[in-house]
Amino acid sequence: MAGTGVPGRPCIDDAGAKQLASLWGLGPDLQLDSLPSYDDVNFRVTTSEGKRFVLKLHNPLIPCGSPENLSLQNEVIRRLAAAKIPVPEVCRTTDGEDIVEVPQEEGVARARLLTWLHGDILPESEPKSIALGEEIGRLAGRVAGALQAMDHPAMKW
């Protein structure tokens, strides 16, 4: 069962995760793989058709798991996608919601489903070249441009 050991970290087993994924219309034949996380619980979800997603359950005891901050994160993802920057897609449930409340012993955790974005982890990419640094700089500029005019109630700068 995922979720033990860290205060507020959601507790959910594979059956519970599959039931939760069904709110997004996924299932019943899903492969779940736990993904590393300290405060939250994340699963890579693979459908029988081979489609991949990330099911995220956010710790209700830390601020980044609040409804306001998750709404901000979703808005950032949507703005970056609109700017043609590769980001996962925020999925909506069959009821049209993009954040679902999941009661837990220590509060209400919130769950989201994102599409899987395949890629390499940069520290594991070898070798680091000047061209890679330039590419990262261009991407950072595009991100800054896409978010420049953003305004959201959870933004506290």
C-alpha atoms as a PDB file:
ATOM      1  CA  MET A   1       0.000   0.000   0.000  1.00  0.00           C
ATOM      2  CA  ALA A   2       1.459   3.349  -1.048  1.00  0.00           C
ATOM      3  CA  GLY A   3       1.531   6.271   1.308  1.00  0.00           C
ATOM      4  CA  THR A   4       2.959   5.242   4.662  1.00  0.00           C
ATOM      5  CA  GLY A   5       5.756   6.944   6.614  1.00  0.00           C
ATOM      6  CA  VAL A   6       5.329  10.662   5.812  1.00  0.00           C
ATOM      7  CA  PRO A   7       2.682  12.728   7.641  1.00  0.00           C
ATOM      8  CA  GLY A   8      -0.281  13.343   5.347  1.00  0.00           C
ATOM      9  CA  ARG A   9       1.082  11.223   2.507  1.00  0.00           C
ATOM     10  CA  PRO A  10      -2.005   9.643   0.937  1.00  0.00           C
ATOM     11  CA  CYS A  11      -2.626   5.959   1.550  1.00  0.00           C
ATOM     12  CA  ILE A  12      -3.943   3.981  -1.389  1.00  0.00           C
ATOM     13  CA  ASP A  13      -3.472   0.470  -2.697  1.00  0.00           C
ATOM     14  CA  ASP A  14      -3.592  -0.682  -6.321  1.00  0.00           C
ATOM     15  CA  ALA A  15      -7.312  -1.497  -6.137  1.00  0.00           C
ATOM     16  CA  GLY A  16      -8.043   1.983  -4.778  1.00  0.00           C
ATOM     17  CA  ALA A  17      -5.873   3.596  -7.454  1.00  0.00           C
ATOM     18  CA  LYS A  18      -7.698   1.651 -10.186  1.00  0.00           C
ATOM     19  CA  GLN A  19     -11.038   2.718  -8.730  1.00  0.00           C
ATOM     20  CA  LEU A  20      -9.835   6.321  -8.649  1.00  0.00           C
ATOM     21  CA  ALA A  21      -8.602   6.090 -12.270  1.00  0.00           C
ATOM     22  CA  SER A  22     -12.082   4.934 -13.276  1.00  0.00           C
ATOM     23  CA  LEU A  23     -13.320   8.481 -12.517  1.00  0.00           C
ATOM     24  CA  TRP A  24     -11.388   9.501 -15.641  1.00  0.00           C
ATOM     25  CA  GLY A  25     -12.948   6.658 -17.620  1.00  0.00           C
ATOM     26  CA  LEU A  26      -9.906   4.385 -17.373  1.00  0.00           C
ATOM     27  CA  GLY A  27      -9.983   0.691 -16.679  1.00  0.00           C
ATOM     28  CA  PRO A  28     -10.608  -1.899 -15.636  1.00  0.00           C
ATOM     29  CA  ASP A  29      -7.495  -3.548 -17.104  1.00  0.00           C
ATOM     30  CA  LEU A  30      -4.784  -1.151 -15.964  1.00  0.00           C
ATOM     31  CA  GLN A  31      -1.139  -1.665 -15.152  1.00  0.00           C
ATOM     32  CA  LEU A  32       0.012   0.466 -12.215  1.00  0.00           C
ATOM     33  CA  ASP A  33       3.629   1.271 -11.456  1.00  0.00           C
ATOM     34  CA  SER A  34       4.572   3.324  -8.408  1.00  0.00           C
ATOM     35  CA  LEU A  35       6.651   6.391  -9.202  1.00  0.00           C
ATOM     36  CA  PRO A  36       9.097   7.982  -6.751  1.00  0.00           C
ATOM     37  CA  SER A  37       7.730  10.762  -4.559  1.00  0.00           C
ATOM     38  CA  TYR A  38       8.328  11.900  -1.015  1.00  0.00           C
ATOM     39  CA  ASP A  39       5.179  13.786   0.015  1.00  0.00           C
ATOM     40  CA  ASP A  40       2.665  12.556  -2.540  1.00  0.00           C
ATOM     41  CA  VAL A  41       1.738   9.263  -4.181  1.00  0.00           C
ATOM     42  CA  ASN A  42       2.177   8.863  -7.924  1.00  0.00           C
ATOM     43  CA  PHE A  43       1.392   5.981 -10.250  1.00  0.00           C
ATOM     44  CA  ARG A  44       2.188   5.466 -13.891  1.00  0.00           C
ATOM     45  CA  VAL A  45      -1.046   4.079 -15.306  1.00  0.00           C
ATOM     46  CA  THR A  46      -0.941   2.080 -18.522  1.00  0.00           C
ATOM     47  CA  THR A  47      -4.172   1.094 -20.248  1.00  0.00           C
ATOM     48  CA  SER A  48      -4.679  -2.143 -22.172  1.00  0.00           C
ATOM     49  CA  GLU A  49      -4.341  -0.017 -25.349  1.00  0.00           C
ATOM     50  CA  GLY A  50      -0.885   1.158 -24.228  1.00  0.00           C
ATOM     51  CA  LYS A  51      -1.864   4.726 -23.318  1.00  0.00           C
ATOM     52  CA  ARG A  52       0.052   6.083 -20.328  1.00  0.00           C
ATOM     53  CA  PHE A  53      -0.913   8.538 -17.623  1.00  0.00           C
ATOM     54  CA  VAL A  54       0.302   9.746 -14.248  1.00  0.00           C
ATOM     55  CA  LEU A  55      -2.189   9.491 -11.398  1.00  0.00           C
ATOM     56  CA  LYS A  56      -1.140  11.929  -8.668  1.00  0.00           C
ATOM     57  CA  LEU A  57      -2.477  12.006  -5.111  1.00  0.00           C
ATOM     58  CA  HIS A  58      -1.345  15.140  -3.326  1.00  0.00           C
ATOM     59  CA  ASN A  59      -0.528  15.359   0.379  1.00  0.00           C
ATOM     60  CA  PRO A  60      -3.290  17.377   2.109  1.00  0.00           C
ATOM     61  CA  LEU A  61      -0.901  18.655   4.807  1.00  0.00           C
ATOM     62  CA  ILE A  62       1.402  20.627   2.533  1.00  0.00           C
ATOM     63  CA  PRO A  63       0.504  23.860   0.710  1.00  0.00           C
ATOM     64  CA  CYS A  64       1.294  22.653  -2.819  1.00  0.00           C
ATOM     65  CA  GLY A  65      -1.540  20.107  -2.441  1.00  0.00           C
ATOM     66  CA  SER A  66      -4.163  22.785  -1.796  1.00  0.00           C
ATOM     67  CA  PRO A  67      -6.984  23.291  -4.309  1.00  0.00           C
ATOM     68  CA  GLU A  68      -5.690  26.806  -5.089  1.00  0.00           C
ATOM     69  CA  ASN A  69      -2.144  25.654  -5.799  1.00  0.00           C
ATOM     70  CA  LEU A  70      -3.245  22.667  -7.865  1.00  0.00           C
ATOM     71  CA  SER A  71      -5.491  24.979  -9.878  1.00  0.00           C
ATOM     72  CA  LEU A  72      -2.449  27.210 -10.444  1.00  0.00           C
ATOM     73  CA  GLN A  73      -0.346  24.239 -11.550  1.00  0.00           C
ATOM     74  CA  ASN A  74      -3.078  23.172 -13.987  1.00  0.00           C
ATOM     75  CA  GLU A  75      -3.275  26.707 -15.407  1.00  0.00           C
ATOM     76  CA  VAL A  76       0.509  26.816 -15.876  1.00  0.00           C
ATOM     77  CA  ILE A  77       0.381  23.484 -17.735  1.00  0.00           C
ATOM     78  CA  ARG A  78      -2.411  24.744 -20.004  1.00  0.00           C
ATOM     79  CA  ARG A  79      -0.574  27.996 -20.801  1.00  0.00           C
ATOM     80  CA  LEU A  80       2.629  26.159 -21.622  1.00  0.00           C
ATOM     81  CA  ALA A  81       0.711  23.726 -23.848  1.00  0.00           C
ATOM     82  CA  ALA A  82      -0.909  26.672 -25.655  1.00  0.00           C
ATOM     83  CA  ALA A  83       2.599  27.999 -26.321  1.00  0.00           C
ATOM     84  CA  LYS A  84       3.500  24.613 -27.891  1.00  0.00           C
ATOM     85  CA  ILE A  85       5.870  23.735 -25.043  1.00  0.00           C
ATOM     86  CA  PRO A  86       5.866  19.973 -24.397  1.00  0.00           C
ATOM     87  CA  VAL A  87       4.004  19.360 -21.142  1.00  0.00           C
ATOM     88  CA  PRO A  88       1.606  16.664 -19.983  1.00  0.00           C
ATOM     89  CA  GLU A  89      -2.086  17.311 -20.521  1.00  0.00           C
ATOM     90  CA  VAL A  90      -4.380  17.789 -17.527  1.00  0.00           C
ATOM     91  CA  CYS A  91      -7.163  15.214 -17.927  1.00  0.00           C
ATOM     92  CA  ARG A  92     -10.755  15.813 -16.915  1.00  0.00           C
ATOM     93  CA  THR A  93     -12.933  13.225 -15.215  1.00  0.00           C
ATOM     94  CA  THR A  94     -16.043  11.913 -16.923  1.00  0.00           C
ATOM     95  CA  ASP A  95     -17.847  14.615 -14.858  1.00  0.00           C
ATOM     96  CA  GLY A  96     -15.586  17.345 -16.277  1.00  0.00           C
ATOM     97  CA  GLU A  97     -13.467  17.914 -13.163  1.00  0.00           C
ATOM     98  CA  ASP A  98      -9.675  18.093 -13.251  1.00  0.00           C
ATOM     99  CA  ILE A  99      -9.152  17.742  -9.473  1.00  0.00           C
ATOM    100  CA  VAL A 100     -10.870  15.059  -7.374  1.00  0.00           C
ATOM    101  CA  GLU A 101     -11.119  15.018  -3.581  1.00  0.00           C
ATOM    102  CA  VAL A 102     -10.071  11.782  -1.870  1.00  0.00           C
ATOM    103  CA  PRO A 103     -10.850  11.565   1.871  1.00  0.00           C
ATOM    104  CA  GLN A 104      -7.877  10.400   3.937  1.00  0.00           C
ATOM    105  CA  GLU A 105      -7.236   9.919   7.638  1.00  0.00           C
ATOM    106  CA  GLU A 106      -5.276  13.188   7.865  1.00  0.00           C
ATOM    107  CA  GLY A 107      -7.445  15.332   5.599  1.00  0.00           C
ATOM    108  CA  VAL A 108      -8.711  15.488   2.064  1.00  0.00           C
ATOM    109  CA  ALA A 109      -6.112  14.556  -0.524  1.00  0.00           C
ATOM    110  CA  ARG A 110      -6.586  15.763  -4.050  1.00  0.00           C
ATOM    111  CA  ALA A 111      -6.007  13.647  -7.132  1.00  0.00           C
ATOM    112  CA  ARG A 112      -5.221  14.576 -10.720  1.00  0.00           C
ATOM    113  CA  LEU A 113      -4.572  12.596 -13.857  1.00  0.00           C
ATOM    114  CA  LEU A 114      -2.012  13.826 -16.363  1.00  0.00           C
ATOM    115  CA  THR A 115      -0.975  12.326 -19.656  1.00  0.00           C
ATOM    116  CA  TRP A 116       2.425  10.659 -19.619  1.00  0.00           C
ATOM    117  CA  LEU A 117       5.201  12.719 -21.165  1.00  0.00           C
ATOM    118  CA  HIS A 118       8.102  10.494 -22.147  1.00  0.00           C
ATOM    119  CA  GLY A 119      11.584  11.887 -21.753  1.00  0.00           C
ATOM    120  CA  ASP A 120      14.976  11.513 -20.188  1.00  0.00           C
ATOM    121  CA  ILE A 121      16.003  12.907 -16.827  1.00  0.00           C
ATOM    122  CA  LEU A 122      18.561  15.598 -17.568  1.00  0.00           C
ATOM    123  CA  PRO A 123      21.171  14.589 -14.970  1.00  0.00           C
ATOM    124  CA  GLU A 124      21.235  11.139 -16.575  1.00  0.00           C
ATOM    125  CA  SER A 125      21.736  12.554 -20.068  1.00  0.00           C
ATOM    126  CA  GLU A 126      25.360  12.320 -21.180  1.00  0.00           C
ATOM    127  CA  PRO A 127      27.309  14.232 -22.243  1.00  0.00           C
ATOM    128  CA  LYS A 128      26.264  17.797 -21.376  1.00  0.00           C
ATOM    129  CA  SER A 129      27.067  19.957 -24.367  1.00  0.00           C
ATOM    130  CA  ILE A 130      27.022  23.666 -25.081  1.00  0.00           C
ATOM    131  CA  ALA A 131      24.177  22.979 -27.530  1.00  0.00           C
ATOM    132  CA  LEU A 132      22.142  21.404 -24.700  1.00  0.00           C
ATOM    133  CA  GLY A 133      22.749  24.467 -22.521  1.00  0.00           C
ATOM    134  CA  GLU A 134      21.618  26.725 -25.372  1.00  0.00           C
ATOM    135  CA  GLU A 135      18.505  24.597 -25.900  1.00  0.00           C
ATOM    136  CA  ILE A 136      17.663  24.828 -22.199  1.00  0.00           C
ATOM    137  CA  GLY A 137      18.111  28.608 -22.337  1.00  0.00           C
ATOM    138  CA  ARG A 138      15.747  28.913 -25.316  1.00  0.00           C
ATOM    139  CA  LEU A 139      13.173  26.750 -23.531  1.00  0.00           C
ATOM    140  CA  ALA A 140      13.453  28.868 -20.361  1.00  0.00           C
ATOM    141  CA  GLY A 141      12.808  31.965 -22.461  1.00  0.00           C
ATOM    142  CA  ARG A 142       9.733  30.400 -24.057  1.00  0.00           C
ATOM    143  CA  VAL A 143       8.404  29.382 -20.622  1.00  0.00           C
ATOM    144  CA  ALA A 144       8.947  32.911 -19.263  1.00  0.00           C
ATOM    145  CA  GLY A 145       7.176  34.372 -22.281  1.00  0.00           C
ATOM    146  CA  ALA A 146       4.213  32.000 -21.973  1.00  0.00           C
ATOM    147  CA  LEU A 147       3.728  32.837 -18.288  1.00  0.00           C
ATOM    148  CA  GLN A 148       4.571  36.544 -18.423  1.00  0.00           C
ATOM    149  CA  ALA A 149       1.009  37.883 -18.361  1.00  0.00           C
ATOM    150  CA  MET A 150      -0.401  35.133 -16.170  1.00  0.00           C
ATOM    151  CA  ASP A 151      -2.546  36.129 -13.220  1.00  0.00           C
ATOM    152  CA  HIS A 152      -4.005  33.605 -10.780  1.00  0.00           C
ATOM    153  CA  PRO A 153      -5.307  33.995  -7.205  1.00  0.00           C
ATOM    154  CA  ALA A 154      -2.730  31.476  -5.883  1.00  0.00           C
ATOM    155  CA  MET A 155       0.216  33.463  -7.258  1.00  0.00           C
ATOM    156  CA  LYS A 156       1.965  35.029  -4.286  1.00  0.00           C
ATOM    157  CA  TRP A 157       5.197  36.617  -5.431  1.00  0.00           C
END
